[in-house]
Amino acid sequence: MAPEPAQSTNKPPGDVSTGSQAGRAGAFSISLFLFAALMLLPPIVTLIEGEANLFGLPVIYLYLFAIWIAVVALIYLISERFAPAPDPTPIPEDAAPDA
C-alpha cells in the first residue's frame, strides 16, 4: 500500500489555529493567577490596612473586594475571548438522534 501524501500546512499569515489560542488562553490564565497571588500576599495587603475608612468601610475590605472583582472579570474575559467558535454547519433533522 502506498503511503498517503502529506497534507499541505500552508496557512495564511494571519491565521490563528485552535492550538495556539488554547496556548494563549493558558498563558493568560497563568499570568492572571500570578497577578492575583501577588496582590493577595500578606506583605502587599498589609500596605493597605490602616485607620482610613472609605464610605464607612475599612480600606482593606474595599481593596480585597476590588481585587476579587478584577480577577473574576478577567477570568470572564479570557473565557469569552478564547472560547471555541460554534460549528456553523446545521445538523439535518433526519440525522438527529431520536429522543
N, C-alpha and C. Protein backbone atom coordinates (compact mmCIF):
# COMPACT_ATOMS: atom_id res chain seq x y z
N MET A 1 0.83 -1.15 0.00
CA MET A 1 0.00 0.00 0.00
C MET A 1 0.89 1.24 0.00
N ALA A 2 0.57 2.20 -0.83
CA ALA A 2 1.38 3.42 -0.93
C ALA A 2 1.01 4.37 0.21
N PRO A 3 2.02 5.04 0.74
CA PRO A 3 1.71 5.99 1.81
C PRO A 3 0.91 7.17 1.25
N GLU A 4 0.06 7.73 2.12
CA GLU A 4 -0.74 8.88 1.70
C GLU A 4 0.14 10.12 1.63
N PRO A 5 -0.15 11.00 0.69
CA PRO A 5 0.66 12.22 0.61
C PRO A 5 0.41 13.10 1.84
N ALA A 6 1.46 13.79 2.22
CA ALA A 6 1.36 14.68 3.39
C ALA A 6 0.43 15.84 3.05
N GLN A 7 -0.36 16.23 4.03
CA GLN A 7 -1.27 17.34 3.81
C GLN A 7 -0.50 18.65 3.85
N SER A 8 -0.93 19.58 3.03
CA SER A 8 -0.28 20.87 2.98
C SER A 8 -0.63 21.68 4.22
N THR A 9 0.38 22.31 4.82
CA THR A 9 0.15 23.13 6.01
C THR A 9 0.29 24.61 5.68
N ASN A 10 0.04 24.97 4.40
CA ASN A 10 0.13 26.37 4.01
C ASN A 10 -1.08 27.10 4.56
N LYS A 11 -0.83 28.00 5.51
CA LYS A 11 -1.90 28.79 6.12
C LYS A 11 -1.59 30.25 5.87
N PRO A 12 -2.62 31.05 5.78
CA PRO A 12 -2.37 32.48 5.62
C PRO A 12 -1.62 33.02 6.85
N PRO A 13 -0.84 34.10 6.69
CA PRO A 13 -0.06 34.62 7.80
C PRO A 13 -0.87 35.02 9.01
N GLY A 14 -2.11 35.48 8.83
CA GLY A 14 -2.91 35.92 9.97
C GLY A 14 -3.76 34.83 10.58
N ASP A 15 -3.64 33.59 10.08
CA ASP A 15 -4.48 32.51 10.56
C ASP A 15 -4.02 32.07 11.94
N VAL A 16 -4.98 32.00 12.86
CA VAL A 16 -4.68 31.55 14.22
C VAL A 16 -5.39 30.22 14.40
N SER A 17 -4.63 29.20 14.69
CA SER A 17 -5.22 27.88 14.85
C SER A 17 -5.73 27.71 16.27
N THR A 18 -6.56 26.70 16.47
CA THR A 18 -7.15 26.45 17.78
C THR A 18 -6.07 26.12 18.81
N GLY A 19 -5.04 25.42 18.42
CA GLY A 19 -3.99 25.05 19.36
C GLY A 19 -3.26 26.25 19.93
N SER A 20 -2.97 27.23 19.09
CA SER A 20 -2.26 28.40 19.59
C SER A 20 -3.17 29.25 20.46
N GLN A 21 -4.48 29.26 20.16
CA GLN A 21 -5.40 30.01 21.01
C GLN A 21 -5.50 29.37 22.38
N ALA A 22 -5.49 28.05 22.43
CA ALA A 22 -5.52 27.37 23.72
C ALA A 22 -4.25 27.67 24.50
N GLY A 23 -3.13 27.74 23.81
CA GLY A 23 -1.87 28.08 24.47
C GLY A 23 -1.88 29.50 25.01
N ARG A 24 -2.46 30.42 24.24
CA ARG A 24 -2.54 31.81 24.69
C ARG A 24 -3.48 31.93 25.87
N ALA A 25 -4.60 31.19 25.86
CA ALA A 25 -5.54 31.22 26.98
C ALA A 25 -4.86 30.69 28.23
N GLY A 26 -4.07 29.63 28.08
CA GLY A 26 -3.33 29.09 29.22
C GLY A 26 -2.31 30.08 29.76
N ALA A 27 -1.64 30.78 28.86
CA ALA A 27 -0.65 31.77 29.30
C ALA A 27 -1.32 32.92 30.03
N PHE A 28 -2.46 33.38 29.51
CA PHE A 28 -3.19 34.45 30.20
C PHE A 28 -3.71 33.97 31.56
N SER A 29 -4.16 32.72 31.63
CA SER A 29 -4.66 32.20 32.89
C SER A 29 -3.56 32.10 33.94
N ILE A 30 -2.39 31.67 33.52
CA ILE A 30 -1.27 31.58 34.46
C ILE A 30 -0.85 32.98 34.90
N SER A 31 -0.83 33.92 33.98
CA SER A 31 -0.49 35.30 34.33
C SER A 31 -1.51 35.89 35.31
N LEU A 32 -2.77 35.60 35.09
CA LEU A 32 -3.81 36.08 36.00
C LEU A 32 -3.66 35.46 37.38
N PHE A 33 -3.35 34.19 37.44
CA PHE A 33 -3.13 33.53 38.73
C PHE A 33 -1.96 34.18 39.48
N LEU A 34 -0.87 34.42 38.77
CA LEU A 34 0.30 35.04 39.42
C LEU A 34 -0.02 36.46 39.88
N PHE A 35 -0.76 37.22 39.07
CA PHE A 35 -1.17 38.57 39.46
C PHE A 35 -2.03 38.53 40.73
N ALA A 36 -3.02 37.63 40.76
CA ALA A 36 -3.91 37.53 41.92
C ALA A 36 -3.14 37.08 43.16
N ALA A 37 -2.24 36.12 43.00
CA ALA A 37 -1.45 35.66 44.14
C ALA A 37 -0.56 36.78 44.68
N LEU A 38 0.02 37.55 43.79
CA LEU A 38 0.87 38.66 44.22
C LEU A 38 0.05 39.72 44.95
N MET A 39 -1.11 40.06 44.42
CA MET A 39 -1.93 41.12 45.03
C MET A 39 -2.54 40.69 46.36
N LEU A 40 -2.62 39.39 46.62
CA LEU A 40 -3.22 38.90 47.86
C LEU A 40 -2.18 38.42 48.87
N LEU A 41 -0.90 38.60 48.57
CA LEU A 41 0.14 38.24 49.54
C LEU A 41 0.05 39.15 50.76
N PRO A 42 0.28 38.60 51.95
CA PRO A 42 0.17 39.42 53.16
C PRO A 42 1.03 40.69 53.16
N PRO A 43 2.27 40.69 52.66
CA PRO A 43 3.00 41.97 52.67
C PRO A 43 2.35 43.07 51.84
N ILE A 44 1.72 42.70 50.74
CA ILE A 44 1.04 43.69 49.90
C ILE A 44 -0.26 44.14 50.57
N VAL A 45 -0.99 43.20 51.12
CA VAL A 45 -2.27 43.53 51.75
C VAL A 45 -2.05 44.41 52.98
N THR A 46 -0.99 44.15 53.74
CA THR A 46 -0.75 44.96 54.95
C THR A 46 -0.34 46.39 54.61
N LEU A 47 0.10 46.65 53.40
CA LEU A 47 0.36 48.03 52.99
C LEU A 47 -0.93 48.84 52.94
N ILE A 48 -2.04 48.18 52.72
CA ILE A 48 -3.33 48.83 52.56
C ILE A 48 -4.01 49.09 53.91
N GLU A 49 -3.77 48.22 54.90
CA GLU A 49 -4.52 48.36 56.14
C GLU A 49 -4.09 49.60 56.91
N GLY A 50 -5.01 50.08 57.69
CA GLY A 50 -4.77 51.28 58.48
C GLY A 50 -6.08 51.75 59.07
N GLU A 51 -6.08 52.95 59.59
CA GLU A 51 -7.28 53.50 60.22
C GLU A 51 -8.20 54.20 59.23
N ALA A 52 -7.80 54.31 57.98
CA ALA A 52 -8.60 55.04 56.99
C ALA A 52 -9.87 54.27 56.64
N ASN A 53 -10.94 55.02 56.45
CA ASN A 53 -12.22 54.46 56.03
C ASN A 53 -12.66 55.16 54.76
N LEU A 54 -13.32 54.41 53.91
CA LEU A 54 -13.88 54.97 52.69
C LEU A 54 -15.32 54.50 52.60
N PHE A 55 -16.26 55.44 52.58
CA PHE A 55 -17.69 55.12 52.60
C PHE A 55 -18.07 54.33 53.85
N GLY A 56 -17.36 54.54 54.93
CA GLY A 56 -17.66 53.86 56.19
C GLY A 56 -17.08 52.46 56.29
N LEU A 57 -16.34 52.03 55.32
CA LEU A 57 -15.73 50.70 55.33
C LEU A 57 -14.22 50.82 55.40
N PRO A 58 -13.57 49.90 56.12
CA PRO A 58 -12.10 49.91 56.11
C PRO A 58 -11.57 49.71 54.70
N VAL A 59 -10.49 50.39 54.37
CA VAL A 59 -9.93 50.35 53.02
C VAL A 59 -9.48 48.94 52.64
N ILE A 60 -9.04 48.14 53.60
CA ILE A 60 -8.56 46.79 53.29
C ILE A 60 -9.69 45.93 52.71
N TYR A 61 -10.92 46.12 53.23
CA TYR A 61 -12.05 45.36 52.69
C TYR A 61 -12.33 45.76 51.23
N LEU A 62 -12.28 47.04 50.98
CA LEU A 62 -12.50 47.53 49.62
C LEU A 62 -11.40 47.04 48.68
N TYR A 63 -10.16 47.00 49.15
CA TYR A 63 -9.04 46.51 48.34
C TYR A 63 -9.25 45.03 47.98
N LEU A 64 -9.56 44.21 48.98
CA LEU A 64 -9.75 42.78 48.73
C LEU A 64 -10.94 42.54 47.80
N PHE A 65 -12.02 43.28 47.99
CA PHE A 65 -13.18 43.13 47.13
C PHE A 65 -12.85 43.57 45.70
N ALA A 66 -12.11 44.65 45.54
CA ALA A 66 -11.74 45.13 44.21
C ALA A 66 -10.85 44.13 43.48
N ILE A 67 -9.90 43.53 44.18
CA ILE A 67 -9.03 42.51 43.57
C ILE A 67 -9.88 41.30 43.15
N TRP A 68 -10.79 40.90 44.01
CA TRP A 68 -11.64 39.76 43.70
C TRP A 68 -12.49 40.03 42.45
N ILE A 69 -13.11 41.21 42.39
CA ILE A 69 -13.93 41.58 41.23
C ILE A 69 -13.07 41.62 39.96
N ALA A 70 -11.87 42.17 40.06
CA ALA A 70 -10.98 42.26 38.89
C ALA A 70 -10.61 40.87 38.39
N VAL A 71 -10.30 39.95 39.29
CA VAL A 71 -9.92 38.58 38.89
C VAL A 71 -11.11 37.88 38.22
N VAL A 72 -12.29 38.01 38.79
CA VAL A 72 -13.47 37.37 38.20
C VAL A 72 -13.75 37.96 36.81
N ALA A 73 -13.66 39.28 36.67
CA ALA A 73 -13.90 39.92 35.38
C ALA A 73 -12.87 39.47 34.34
N LEU A 74 -11.61 39.36 34.74
CA LEU A 74 -10.58 38.93 33.80
C LEU A 74 -10.74 37.46 33.41
N ILE A 75 -11.18 36.62 34.34
CA ILE A 75 -11.46 35.22 34.01
C ILE A 75 -12.58 35.15 32.98
N TYR A 76 -13.61 35.97 33.16
CA TYR A 76 -14.71 36.00 32.21
C TYR A 76 -14.22 36.44 30.82
N LEU A 77 -13.41 37.50 30.79
CA LEU A 77 -12.90 37.99 29.51
C LEU A 77 -12.02 36.96 28.81
N ILE A 78 -11.19 36.27 29.56
CA ILE A 78 -10.33 35.24 28.98
C ILE A 78 -11.18 34.10 28.41
N SER A 79 -12.19 33.68 29.17
CA SER A 79 -13.02 32.56 28.69
C SER A 79 -13.84 32.96 27.48
N GLU A 80 -14.31 34.19 27.42
CA GLU A 80 -15.07 34.64 26.25
C GLU A 80 -14.17 34.84 25.04
N ARG A 81 -13.00 35.38 25.25
CA ARG A 81 -12.09 35.69 24.14
C ARG A 81 -11.56 34.43 23.47
N PHE A 82 -11.28 33.40 24.25
CA PHE A 82 -10.65 32.20 23.72
C PHE A 82 -11.59 31.00 23.65
N ALA A 83 -12.90 31.24 23.74
CA ALA A 83 -13.86 30.14 23.62
C ALA A 83 -13.87 29.63 22.19
N PRO A 84 -13.98 28.34 22.00
CA PRO A 84 -14.02 27.84 20.62
C PRO A 84 -15.28 28.31 19.92
N ALA A 85 -15.15 28.61 18.64
CA ALA A 85 -16.28 29.08 17.85
C ALA A 85 -17.24 27.92 17.61
N PRO A 86 -18.54 28.19 17.65
CA PRO A 86 -19.50 27.12 17.38
C PRO A 86 -19.43 26.67 15.93
N ASP A 87 -19.76 25.43 15.69
CA ASP A 87 -19.75 24.87 14.35
C ASP A 87 -20.94 25.42 13.58
N PRO A 88 -20.71 26.17 12.48
CA PRO A 88 -21.82 26.80 11.78
C PRO A 88 -22.64 25.85 10.91
N THR A 89 -22.19 24.60 10.74
CA THR A 89 -22.92 23.69 9.87
C THR A 89 -24.16 23.17 10.60
N PRO A 90 -25.34 23.35 10.01
CA PRO A 90 -26.56 22.87 10.67
C PRO A 90 -26.65 21.35 10.62
N ILE A 91 -27.28 20.79 11.61
CA ILE A 91 -27.49 19.34 11.64
C ILE A 91 -28.84 19.05 10.99
N PRO A 92 -28.86 18.19 9.97
CA PRO A 92 -30.15 17.87 9.34
C PRO A 92 -31.07 17.18 10.35
N GLU A 93 -32.37 17.43 10.22
CA GLU A 93 -33.32 16.88 11.18
C GLU A 93 -33.36 15.35 11.14
N ASP A 94 -33.16 14.77 9.97
CA ASP A 94 -33.21 13.31 9.87
C ASP A 94 -31.97 12.66 10.47
N ALA A 95 -30.90 13.43 10.67
CA ALA A 95 -29.68 12.87 11.26
C ALA A 95 -29.67 12.99 12.79
N ALA A 96 -30.60 13.76 13.34
CA ALA A 96 -30.65 13.95 14.79
C ALA A 96 -31.12 12.66 15.45
N PRO A 97 -30.56 12.33 16.61
CA PRO A 97 -30.97 11.10 17.30
C PRO A 97 -32.39 11.25 17.85
N ASP A 98 -33.12 10.13 17.88
CA ASP A 98 -34.49 10.15 18.41
C ASP A 98 -34.43 10.23 19.92
N ALA A 99 -35.32 11.03 20.47
CA ALA A 99 -35.34 11.19 21.92
C ALA A 99 -36.46 10.40 22.53
